[in-house]
């Protein structure tokens, strides 16, 4: 990575150069091929006030260049703000290249089907099915089920009667009950 530090209308001291260099080094964490970084610091006077401008030009391999201009009253603050914006832009470029690659639905189906043997799964399920009588299906009197249905907010209740028939007791819209 080539680094170029330039000062226009101001002298770059060792402290300013060191601050710029550390700001540039933070850009390498995104693992993009940075060809060169040009930093131009300018001192300007507008309306009787002096302020500093910093311009970062980051040239990347196989991607567009990133240009960031930042103004502030303090040169160090302008460098920090520009470096933060540069990091944000680099993060976006990095994320576009890595996280936004999506496989098509057909590719996902093919991969899922390649790893699954339906016959083995069906045989495994057949071996695991065991009929069990639950205590919930013990024969009940219609009057007991009617009392439970009145006390609850349920609309219907399915149960076995004393003769072993499956029955449904349900609430009608007019408030009466029906038995099926």
N, C-alpha and C. Protein backbone atom coordinates (compact mmCIF):
# COMPACT_ATOMS: atom_id res chain seq x y z
N UNK A 1 0.85 -1.16 0.00
CA UNK A 1 0.00 0.00 0.00
C UNK A 1 0.90 1.23 0.00
N UNK A 2 0.67 2.12 -0.96
CA UNK A 2 1.40 3.38 -1.03
C UNK A 2 0.64 4.44 -0.26
N UNK A 3 1.35 5.19 0.56
CA UNK A 3 0.73 6.25 1.36
C UNK A 3 1.37 7.57 0.99
N UNK A 4 0.52 8.54 0.69
CA UNK A 4 0.99 9.87 0.35
C UNK A 4 0.31 10.88 1.27
N UNK A 5 1.10 11.62 2.04
CA UNK A 5 0.59 12.65 2.95
C UNK A 5 1.01 14.00 2.41
N UNK A 6 0.04 14.88 2.18
CA UNK A 6 0.33 16.18 1.59
C UNK A 6 -0.33 17.27 2.43
N UNK A 7 0.38 18.39 2.58
CA UNK A 7 -0.18 19.54 3.28
C UNK A 7 -0.22 20.74 2.36
N UNK A 8 -1.37 21.38 2.25
CA UNK A 8 -1.52 22.59 1.44
C UNK A 8 -1.78 23.76 2.40
N UNK A 9 -0.96 24.76 2.27
CA UNK A 9 -1.04 25.97 3.09
C UNK A 9 -0.84 25.67 4.58
N UNK A 10 -0.23 24.55 4.88
CA UNK A 10 0.15 24.24 6.25
C UNK A 10 1.29 23.23 6.21
N UNK A 11 2.06 23.25 7.29
CA UNK A 11 3.19 22.33 7.38
C UNK A 11 2.76 21.11 8.19
N UNK A 12 3.04 19.93 7.65
CA UNK A 12 2.70 18.69 8.35
C UNK A 12 3.80 18.35 9.35
N UNK A 13 3.47 18.43 10.61
CA UNK A 13 4.44 18.08 11.64
C UNK A 13 4.49 16.56 11.81
N UNK A 14 5.46 16.11 12.58
CA UNK A 14 5.58 14.67 12.81
C UNK A 14 4.34 14.13 13.53
N UNK A 15 3.77 14.90 14.44
CA UNK A 15 2.58 14.46 15.18
C UNK A 15 1.39 14.32 14.23
N UNK A 16 1.23 15.27 13.31
CA UNK A 16 0.12 15.19 12.35
C UNK A 16 0.32 14.00 11.42
N UNK A 17 1.55 13.79 10.95
CA UNK A 17 1.84 12.65 10.07
C UNK A 17 1.58 11.32 10.79
N UNK A 18 1.96 11.25 12.06
CA UNK A 18 1.74 10.02 12.83
C UNK A 18 0.24 9.76 13.01
N UNK A 19 -0.52 10.83 13.26
CA UNK A 19 -1.97 10.69 13.45
C UNK A 19 -2.64 10.22 12.14
N UNK A 20 -2.19 10.79 11.02
CA UNK A 20 -2.71 10.37 9.71
C UNK A 20 -2.35 8.91 9.43
N UNK A 21 -1.13 8.52 9.74
CA UNK A 21 -0.69 7.15 9.48
C UNK A 21 -1.47 6.13 10.30
N UNK A 22 -1.72 6.44 11.56
CA UNK A 22 -2.50 5.50 12.39
C UNK A 22 -3.94 5.41 11.90
N UNK A 23 -4.46 6.53 11.40
CA UNK A 23 -5.82 6.52 10.85
C UNK A 23 -5.89 5.66 9.60
N UNK A 24 -4.85 5.71 8.78
CA UNK A 24 -4.81 4.92 7.56
C UNK A 24 -4.64 3.43 7.89
N UNK A 25 -3.87 3.12 8.91
CA UNK A 25 -3.64 1.73 9.28
C UNK A 25 -4.93 1.03 9.71
N UNK A 26 -5.89 1.77 10.24
CA UNK A 26 -7.16 1.16 10.66
C UNK A 26 -7.96 0.66 9.45
N UNK A 27 -7.65 1.14 8.26
CA UNK A 27 -8.40 0.74 7.07
C UNK A 27 -8.00 -0.66 6.58
N UNK A 28 -6.85 -1.15 7.02
CA UNK A 28 -6.38 -2.45 6.54
C UNK A 28 -7.15 -3.62 7.15
N UNK A 29 -7.94 -3.39 8.18
CA UNK A 29 -8.65 -4.49 8.85
C UNK A 29 -9.79 -5.06 8.00
N UNK A 30 -10.17 -4.37 6.92
CA UNK A 30 -11.28 -4.85 6.09
C UNK A 30 -10.81 -5.82 5.00
N UNK A 31 -9.51 -6.05 4.90
CA UNK A 31 -8.93 -7.03 3.98
C UNK A 31 -9.32 -6.78 2.52
N UNK A 32 -9.39 -5.53 2.14
CA UNK A 32 -9.58 -5.17 0.74
C UNK A 32 -8.20 -4.80 0.18
N UNK A 33 -7.99 -5.04 -1.09
CA UNK A 33 -6.70 -4.71 -1.70
C UNK A 33 -6.59 -3.20 -1.87
N UNK A 34 -5.92 -2.55 -0.94
CA UNK A 34 -5.71 -1.10 -1.01
C UNK A 34 -4.42 -0.87 -1.79
N UNK A 35 -4.55 -0.20 -2.93
CA UNK A 35 -3.37 0.10 -3.74
C UNK A 35 -2.65 1.31 -3.17
N UNK A 36 -3.39 2.39 -2.96
CA UNK A 36 -2.76 3.59 -2.42
C UNK A 36 -3.78 4.41 -1.65
N UNK A 37 -3.23 5.21 -0.73
CA UNK A 37 -4.04 6.15 0.05
C UNK A 37 -3.36 7.51 -0.03
N UNK A 38 -4.09 8.50 -0.52
CA UNK A 38 -3.59 9.87 -0.58
C UNK A 38 -4.37 10.70 0.43
N UNK A 39 -3.65 11.37 1.31
CA UNK A 39 -4.29 12.23 2.30
C UNK A 39 -3.79 13.65 2.05
N UNK A 40 -4.73 14.55 1.82
CA UNK A 40 -4.38 15.95 1.57
C UNK A 40 -5.03 16.79 2.66
N UNK A 41 -4.21 17.47 3.44
CA UNK A 41 -4.68 18.36 4.50
C UNK A 41 -4.51 19.79 4.03
N UNK A 42 -5.56 20.59 4.20
CA UNK A 42 -5.56 21.96 3.71
C UNK A 42 -6.02 22.89 4.82
N UNK A 43 -5.35 24.04 4.93
CA UNK A 43 -5.79 25.09 5.86
C UNK A 43 -6.43 26.18 5.03
N UNK A 44 -7.66 26.56 5.38
CA UNK A 44 -8.39 27.57 4.61
C UNK A 44 -8.92 28.64 5.55
N UNK A 45 -9.13 29.82 4.99
CA UNK A 45 -9.70 30.91 5.74
C UNK A 45 -10.98 31.34 5.02
N UNK A 46 -12.10 31.22 5.72
CA UNK A 46 -13.38 31.65 5.16
C UNK A 46 -14.05 32.55 6.18
N UNK A 47 -14.47 33.73 5.71
CA UNK A 47 -15.15 34.71 6.55
C UNK A 47 -14.35 35.03 7.80
N UNK A 48 -13.06 35.10 7.64
CA UNK A 48 -12.18 35.48 8.74
C UNK A 48 -11.88 34.36 9.71
N UNK A 49 -12.38 33.15 9.47
CA UNK A 49 -12.14 32.02 10.36
C UNK A 49 -11.27 31.01 9.64
N UNK A 50 -10.32 30.45 10.38
CA UNK A 50 -9.49 29.40 9.80
C UNK A 50 -10.09 28.06 10.15
N UNK A 51 -10.13 27.20 9.16
CA UNK A 51 -10.56 25.83 9.41
C UNK A 51 -9.75 24.89 8.52
N UNK A 52 -9.79 23.62 8.88
CA UNK A 52 -8.97 22.63 8.19
C UNK A 52 -9.86 21.69 7.39
N UNK A 53 -9.34 21.28 6.25
CA UNK A 53 -10.02 20.30 5.42
C UNK A 53 -9.08 19.12 5.21
N UNK A 54 -9.65 17.92 5.23
CA UNK A 54 -8.87 16.72 4.99
C UNK A 54 -9.57 15.95 3.89
N UNK A 55 -8.80 15.46 2.93
CA UNK A 55 -9.35 14.68 1.84
C UNK A 55 -8.62 13.34 1.78
N UNK A 56 -9.37 12.25 1.88
CA UNK A 56 -8.84 10.90 1.75
C UNK A 56 -9.22 10.39 0.37
N UNK A 57 -8.25 9.91 -0.40
CA UNK A 57 -8.51 9.25 -1.67
C UNK A 57 -7.92 7.84 -1.54
N UNK A 58 -8.80 6.84 -1.52
CA UNK A 58 -8.38 5.46 -1.33
C UNK A 58 -8.61 4.71 -2.64
N UNK A 59 -7.54 4.23 -3.24
CA UNK A 59 -7.63 3.46 -4.48
C UNK A 59 -7.61 1.98 -4.14
N UNK A 60 -8.64 1.27 -4.59
CA UNK A 60 -8.78 -0.16 -4.32
C UNK A 60 -8.63 -0.95 -5.60
N UNK A 61 -8.08 -2.15 -5.49
CA UNK A 61 -7.94 -3.03 -6.65
C UNK A 61 -9.30 -3.60 -7.01
N UNK A 62 -9.66 -3.54 -8.27
CA UNK A 62 -10.89 -4.11 -8.83
C UNK A 62 -12.15 -3.47 -8.27
N UNK A 63 -12.05 -2.30 -7.69
CA UNK A 63 -13.22 -1.60 -7.16
C UNK A 63 -13.05 -0.11 -7.43
N UNK A 64 -14.11 0.63 -7.21
CA UNK A 64 -14.03 2.08 -7.39
C UNK A 64 -13.22 2.71 -6.27
N UNK A 65 -12.66 3.87 -6.55
CA UNK A 65 -11.91 4.61 -5.53
C UNK A 65 -12.89 5.26 -4.56
N UNK A 66 -12.44 5.44 -3.34
CA UNK A 66 -13.24 6.10 -2.31
C UNK A 66 -12.64 7.47 -2.06
N UNK A 67 -13.46 8.51 -2.18
CA UNK A 67 -13.01 9.88 -1.95
C UNK A 67 -13.85 10.45 -0.82
N UNK A 68 -13.16 10.95 0.22
CA UNK A 68 -13.86 11.50 1.39
C UNK A 68 -13.25 12.85 1.71
N UNK A 69 -14.10 13.86 1.80
CA UNK A 69 -13.67 15.21 2.19
C UNK A 69 -14.35 15.56 3.50
N UNK A 70 -13.55 16.10 4.42
CA UNK A 70 -14.09 16.45 5.73
C UNK A 70 -13.49 17.77 6.18
N UNK A 71 -14.34 18.69 6.67
CA UNK A 71 -13.88 19.98 7.19
C UNK A 71 -14.20 20.07 8.67
N UNK A 72 -13.31 20.78 9.39
CA UNK A 72 -13.53 21.01 10.82
C UNK A 72 -12.61 22.13 11.25
N UNK A 73 -12.90 22.73 12.40
CA UNK A 73 -12.04 23.79 12.92
C UNK A 73 -10.69 23.22 13.36
N UNK A 74 -10.69 22.00 13.87
CA UNK A 74 -9.48 21.36 14.35
C UNK A 74 -9.03 20.32 13.32
N UNK A 75 -7.74 20.32 12.97
CA UNK A 75 -7.20 19.40 11.98
C UNK A 75 -7.30 17.96 12.46
N UNK A 76 -7.00 17.70 13.73
CA UNK A 76 -7.07 16.33 14.26
C UNK A 76 -8.51 15.80 14.23
N UNK A 77 -9.46 16.64 14.56
CA UNK A 77 -10.87 16.24 14.51
C UNK A 77 -11.29 15.93 13.08
N UNK A 78 -10.84 16.74 12.13
CA UNK A 78 -11.16 16.49 10.72
C UNK A 78 -10.57 15.16 10.25
N UNK A 79 -9.35 14.85 10.69
CA UNK A 79 -8.72 13.58 10.33
C UNK A 79 -9.52 12.41 10.91
N UNK A 80 -9.92 12.53 12.18
CA UNK A 80 -10.68 11.46 12.83
C UNK A 80 -12.03 11.25 12.15
N UNK A 81 -12.73 12.35 11.82
CA UNK A 81 -14.03 12.23 11.16
C UNK A 81 -13.89 11.61 9.77
N UNK A 82 -12.87 12.04 9.03
CA UNK A 82 -12.65 11.48 7.69
C UNK A 82 -12.28 10.00 7.77
N UNK A 83 -11.47 9.63 8.75
CA UNK A 83 -11.09 8.22 8.92
C UNK A 83 -12.31 7.38 9.28
N UNK A 84 -13.20 7.90 10.11
CA UNK A 84 -14.43 7.19 10.46
C UNK A 84 -15.32 6.98 9.25
N UNK A 85 -15.46 8.02 8.43
CA UNK A 85 -16.26 7.88 7.21
C UNK A 85 -15.62 6.90 6.24
N UNK A 86 -14.28 6.91 6.17
CA UNK A 86 -13.57 5.97 5.29
C UNK A 86 -13.78 4.53 5.77
N UNK A 87 -13.74 4.32 7.09
CA UNK A 87 -13.97 2.99 7.63
C UNK A 87 -15.39 2.51 7.31
N UNK A 88 -16.34 3.42 7.40
CA UNK A 88 -17.72 3.06 7.10
C UNK A 88 -17.87 2.66 5.64
N UNK A 89 -17.25 3.41 4.74
CA UNK A 89 -17.31 3.10 3.32
C UNK A 89 -16.61 1.77 3.02
N UNK A 90 -15.46 1.53 3.66
CA UNK A 90 -14.74 0.27 3.45
C UNK A 90 -15.55 -0.91 4.00
N UNK A 91 -16.21 -0.72 5.13
CA UNK A 91 -17.03 -1.78 5.71
C UNK A 91 -18.17 -2.13 4.76
N UNK A 92 -18.79 -1.10 4.15
CA UNK A 92 -19.86 -1.37 3.19
C UNK A 92 -19.35 -2.17 2.00
N UNK A 93 -18.19 -1.79 1.47
CA UNK A 93 -17.63 -2.52 0.33
C UNK A 93 -17.28 -3.95 0.73
N UNK A 94 -16.74 -4.12 1.91
CA UNK A 94 -16.39 -5.46 2.38
C UNK A 94 -17.64 -6.31 2.54
N UNK A 95 -18.70 -5.75 3.13
CA UNK A 95 -19.94 -6.49 3.35
C UNK A 95 -20.62 -6.85 2.04
N UNK A 96 -20.56 -5.98 1.07
CA UNK A 96 -21.14 -6.29 -0.24
C UNK A 96 -20.48 -7.51 -0.86
N UNK A 97 -19.19 -7.59 -0.68
CA UNK A 97 -18.45 -8.69 -1.29
C UNK A 97 -18.59 -10.01 -0.57
N UNK A 98 -18.88 -9.99 0.72
CA UNK A 98 -18.86 -11.23 1.49
C UNK A 98 -20.25 -11.70 1.91
N UNK A 99 -21.07 -10.85 2.45
CA UNK A 99 -22.31 -11.30 3.08
C UNK A 99 -23.50 -11.36 2.13
N UNK A 100 -23.47 -10.66 1.04
CA UNK A 100 -24.65 -10.56 0.21
C UNK A 100 -24.68 -11.57 -0.92
N UNK A 101 -23.86 -12.58 -0.84
CA UNK A 101 -23.89 -13.63 -1.85
C UNK A 101 -24.91 -14.67 -1.39
N UNK A 102 -25.99 -14.78 -2.18
CA UNK A 102 -27.05 -15.72 -1.82
C UNK A 102 -27.18 -16.77 -2.91
N UNK A 103 -27.33 -18.01 -2.48
CA UNK A 103 -27.57 -19.08 -3.43
C UNK A 103 -29.04 -19.06 -3.83
N UNK A 104 -29.30 -19.53 -5.02
CA UNK A 104 -30.67 -19.62 -5.48
C UNK A 104 -31.44 -20.70 -4.73
N UNK A 105 -32.74 -20.65 -4.83
CA UNK A 105 -33.60 -21.61 -4.14
C UNK A 105 -33.39 -23.01 -4.68
N UNK A 106 -33.21 -23.14 -5.99
CA UNK A 106 -32.99 -24.46 -6.58
C UNK A 106 -31.69 -25.08 -6.10
N UNK A 107 -30.64 -24.27 -5.96
CA UNK A 107 -29.36 -24.78 -5.47
C UNK A 107 -29.52 -25.28 -4.04
N UNK A 108 -30.25 -24.55 -3.22
CA UNK A 108 -30.46 -24.96 -1.84
C UNK A 108 -31.27 -26.26 -1.77
N UNK A 109 -32.27 -26.41 -2.64
CA UNK A 109 -33.07 -27.63 -2.65
C UNK A 109 -32.21 -28.83 -3.04
N UNK A 110 -31.38 -28.65 -4.06
CA UNK A 110 -30.53 -29.75 -4.52
C UNK A 110 -29.57 -30.17 -3.42
N UNK A 111 -28.95 -29.19 -2.74
CA UNK A 111 -28.03 -29.52 -1.66
C UNK A 111 -28.74 -30.22 -0.51
N UNK A 112 -29.95 -29.78 -0.20
CA UNK A 112 -30.71 -30.41 0.89
C UNK A 112 -31.08 -31.84 0.53
N UNK A 113 -31.47 -32.06 -0.72
CA UNK A 113 -31.86 -33.40 -1.14
C UNK A 113 -30.68 -34.35 -1.26
N UNK A 114 -29.50 -33.83 -1.54
CA UNK A 114 -28.33 -34.68 -1.66
C UNK A 114 -27.94 -35.30 -0.32
N UNK A 115 -28.22 -34.63 0.75
CA UNK A 115 -27.79 -35.10 2.06
C UNK A 115 -28.87 -35.89 2.80
N UNK A 116 -30.07 -36.03 2.20
CA UNK A 116 -31.18 -36.67 2.89
C UNK A 116 -31.60 -37.91 2.11
N UNK A 117 -31.69 -39.05 2.79
CA UNK A 117 -32.21 -40.26 2.18
C UNK A 117 -33.61 -40.49 2.75
N UNK A 118 -34.62 -40.27 1.93
CA UNK A 118 -36.00 -40.31 2.37
C UNK A 118 -36.40 -41.71 2.82
N UNK A 119 -35.90 -42.74 2.14
CA UNK A 119 -36.26 -44.11 2.50
C UNK A 119 -35.77 -44.46 3.90
N UNK A 120 -34.56 -44.06 4.23
CA UNK A 120 -34.03 -44.34 5.57
C UNK A 120 -34.84 -43.63 6.65
N UNK A 121 -35.22 -42.41 6.36
CA UNK A 121 -36.01 -41.64 7.34
C UNK A 121 -37.38 -42.29 7.53
N UNK A 122 -38.02 -42.72 6.43
CA UNK A 122 -39.34 -43.36 6.52
C UNK A 122 -39.25 -44.66 7.31
N UNK A 123 -38.21 -45.46 7.06
CA UNK A 123 -38.03 -46.71 7.80
C UNK A 123 -37.78 -46.44 9.27
N UNK A 124 -37.02 -45.41 9.57
CA UNK A 124 -36.75 -45.07 10.96
C UNK A 124 -38.03 -44.64 11.67
N UNK A 125 -38.88 -43.89 10.97
CA UNK A 125 -40.13 -43.46 11.58
C UNK A 125 -41.08 -44.64 11.79
N UNK A 126 -41.09 -45.59 10.87
CA UNK A 126 -41.95 -46.75 11.02
C UNK A 126 -41.57 -47.55 12.25
N UNK A 127 -40.30 -47.66 12.52
CA UNK A 127 -39.84 -48.42 13.67
C UNK A 127 -40.17 -47.73 14.99
N UNK A 128 -40.32 -46.42 14.97
CA UNK A 128 -40.49 -45.67 16.21
C UNK A 128 -41.94 -45.47 16.62
N UNK A 129 -42.91 -45.80 15.77
CA UNK A 129 -44.32 -45.55 16.09
C UNK A 129 -44.81 -46.65 17.02
N UNK A 130 -45.26 -46.22 18.21
CA UNK A 130 -45.77 -47.15 19.22
C UNK A 130 -47.11 -46.61 19.71
N UNK A 131 -48.21 -47.36 19.51
CA UNK A 131 -49.50 -46.87 20.00
C UNK A 131 -49.55 -46.91 21.53
N UNK A 132 -50.05 -45.83 22.11
CA UNK A 132 -50.12 -45.71 23.56
C UNK A 132 -51.51 -45.20 23.91
N UNK A 133 -52.12 -45.79 24.92
CA UNK A 133 -53.40 -45.29 25.39
C UNK A 133 -53.14 -44.20 26.42
N UNK A 134 -53.68 -43.04 26.15
CA UNK A 134 -53.49 -41.92 27.06
C UNK A 134 -54.63 -41.87 28.06
N UNK A 135 -54.37 -41.32 29.20
CA UNK A 135 -55.40 -41.23 30.24
C UNK A 135 -56.49 -40.23 29.83
N UNK A 136 -56.20 -39.37 28.88
CA UNK A 136 -57.19 -38.39 28.45
C UNK A 136 -58.34 -39.06 27.70
N UNK A 137 -58.13 -40.26 27.17
CA UNK A 137 -59.14 -40.91 26.37
C UNK A 137 -59.91 -41.99 27.14
N UNK A 138 -59.92 -41.89 28.43
CA UNK A 138 -60.74 -42.79 29.23
C UNK A 138 -62.20 -42.42 29.02
N UNK A 139 -63.09 -43.39 29.06
CA UNK A 139 -64.52 -43.09 28.86
C UNK A 139 -65.03 -42.09 29.89
N UNK A 140 -65.87 -41.16 29.42
CA UNK A 140 -66.43 -40.12 30.30
C UNK A 140 -67.93 -40.02 30.09
N UNK A 141 -68.60 -39.57 31.10
CA UNK A 141 -70.04 -39.33 31.02
C UNK A 141 -70.28 -38.00 30.31
N UNK A 142 -71.39 -37.92 29.58
CA UNK A 142 -71.74 -36.71 28.83
C UNK A 142 -71.96 -35.56 29.80
N UNK A 143 -72.55 -35.84 30.95
CA UNK A 143 -72.81 -34.77 31.93
C UNK A 143 -71.51 -34.16 32.46
N UNK A 144 -70.49 -34.99 32.67
CA UNK A 144 -69.19 -34.48 33.15
C UNK A 144 -68.54 -33.58 32.09
N UNK A 145 -68.61 -34.02 30.84
CA UNK A 145 -68.02 -33.24 29.76
C UNK A 145 -68.78 -31.93 29.58
N UNK A 146 -70.14 -31.97 29.73
CA UNK A 146 -70.96 -30.77 29.62
C UNK A 146 -70.59 -29.77 30.70
N UNK A 147 -70.37 -30.27 31.92
CA UNK A 147 -69.99 -29.38 33.02
C UNK A 147 -68.62 -28.73 32.76
N UNK A 148 -67.65 -29.53 32.25
CA UNK A 148 -66.32 -28.99 31.94
C UNK A 148 -66.39 -27.95 30.82
N UNK A 149 -67.25 -28.20 29.83
CA UNK A 149 -67.38 -27.28 28.70
C UNK A 149 -68.01 -25.96 29.13
N UNK A 150 -68.97 -26.02 30.07
CA UNK A 150 -69.60 -24.80 30.58
C UNK A 150 -68.60 -23.95 31.36
N UNK A 151 -67.71 -24.58 32.11
CA UNK A 151 -66.74 -23.87 32.94
C UNK A 151 -65.57 -23.31 32.15
N UNK A 152 -65.31 -23.86 30.99
CA UNK A 152 -64.15 -23.40 30.20
C UNK A 152 -64.62 -22.49 29.06
N UNK A 153 -63.65 -21.92 28.37
CA UNK A 153 -63.94 -21.04 27.24
C UNK A 153 -63.88 -21.81 25.92
N UNK A 154 -63.78 -23.11 25.99
CA UNK A 154 -63.71 -23.93 24.79
C UNK A 154 -65.04 -23.93 24.05
N UNK A 155 -64.97 -24.17 22.75
CA UNK A 155 -66.17 -24.23 21.93
C UNK A 155 -66.66 -25.67 21.79
N UNK A 156 -65.74 -26.62 21.82
CA UNK A 156 -66.14 -28.03 21.72
C UNK A 156 -65.19 -28.89 22.53
N UNK A 157 -65.62 -30.13 22.76
CA UNK A 157 -64.82 -31.10 23.50
C UNK A 157 -65.02 -32.46 22.81
N UNK A 158 -63.90 -33.13 22.53
CA UNK A 158 -63.94 -34.46 21.94
C UNK A 158 -63.63 -35.46 23.04
N UNK A 159 -64.44 -36.54 23.13
CA UNK A 159 -64.24 -37.51 24.21
C UNK A 159 -64.80 -38.87 23.78
N UNK A 160 -64.46 -39.89 24.56
CA UNK A 160 -65.02 -41.23 24.39
C UNK A 160 -66.12 -41.41 25.43
N UNK A 161 -67.28 -41.92 24.97
CA UNK A 161 -68.34 -42.17 25.94
C UNK A 161 -68.16 -43.56 26.54
N UNK A 162 -69.10 -43.98 27.40
CA UNK A 162 -68.98 -45.27 28.10
C UNK A 162 -69.08 -46.45 27.15
N UNK A 163 -69.61 -46.25 25.96
CA UNK A 163 -69.74 -47.34 25.00
C UNK A 163 -68.52 -47.42 24.08
N UNK A 164 -67.54 -46.51 24.25
CA UNK A 164 -66.32 -46.53 23.45
C UNK A 164 -66.43 -45.76 22.15
N UNK A 165 -67.52 -45.01 21.96
CA UNK A 165 -67.69 -44.22 20.75
C UNK A 165 -67.06 -42.84 20.94
N UNK A 166 -66.46 -42.33 19.86
CA UNK A 166 -65.90 -40.98 19.91
C UNK A 166 -67.04 -40.00 19.73
N UNK A 167 -67.15 -39.05 20.64
CA UNK A 167 -68.26 -38.09 20.64
C UNK A 167 -67.69 -36.68 20.66
N UNK A 168 -68.49 -35.73 20.18
CA UNK A 168 -68.13 -34.31 20.21
C UNK A 168 -69.29 -33.56 20.83
N UNK A 169 -69.01 -32.82 21.88
CA UNK A 169 -69.99 -31.96 22.52
C UNK A 169 -69.59 -30.53 22.18
N UNK A 170 -70.52 -29.73 21.64
CA UNK A 170 -70.14 -28.40 21.16
C UNK A 170 -71.18 -27.37 21.57
N UNK A 171 -70.74 -26.12 21.66
CA UNK A 171 -71.62 -25.00 21.97
C UNK A 171 -72.19 -24.46 20.67
N UNK A 172 -73.48 -24.22 20.66
CA UNK A 172 -74.13 -23.62 19.50
C UNK A 172 -74.10 -22.10 19.66
N UNK A 173 -74.35 -21.39 18.56
CA UNK A 173 -74.33 -19.92 18.62
C UNK A 173 -75.44 -19.36 19.47
N UNK A 174 -76.56 -20.09 19.64
CA UNK A 174 -77.67 -19.58 20.46
C UNK A 174 -77.48 -19.88 21.95
N UNK A 175 -76.37 -20.54 22.31
CA UNK A 175 -76.09 -20.80 23.72
C UNK A 175 -76.41 -22.23 24.15
N UNK A 176 -77.10 -22.98 23.34
CA UNK A 176 -77.40 -24.38 23.68
C UNK A 176 -76.22 -25.25 23.27
N UNK A 177 -76.32 -26.55 23.57
CA UNK A 177 -75.23 -27.48 23.31
C UNK A 177 -75.71 -28.56 22.35
N UNK A 178 -74.77 -29.05 21.54
CA UNK A 178 -75.08 -30.13 20.62
C UNK A 178 -74.13 -31.29 20.86
N UNK A 179 -74.61 -32.51 20.56
CA UNK A 179 -73.82 -33.71 20.76
C UNK A 179 -73.76 -34.46 19.44
N UNK A 180 -72.58 -34.79 19.03
CA UNK A 180 -72.41 -35.51 17.79
C UNK A 180 -71.74 -36.82 18.07
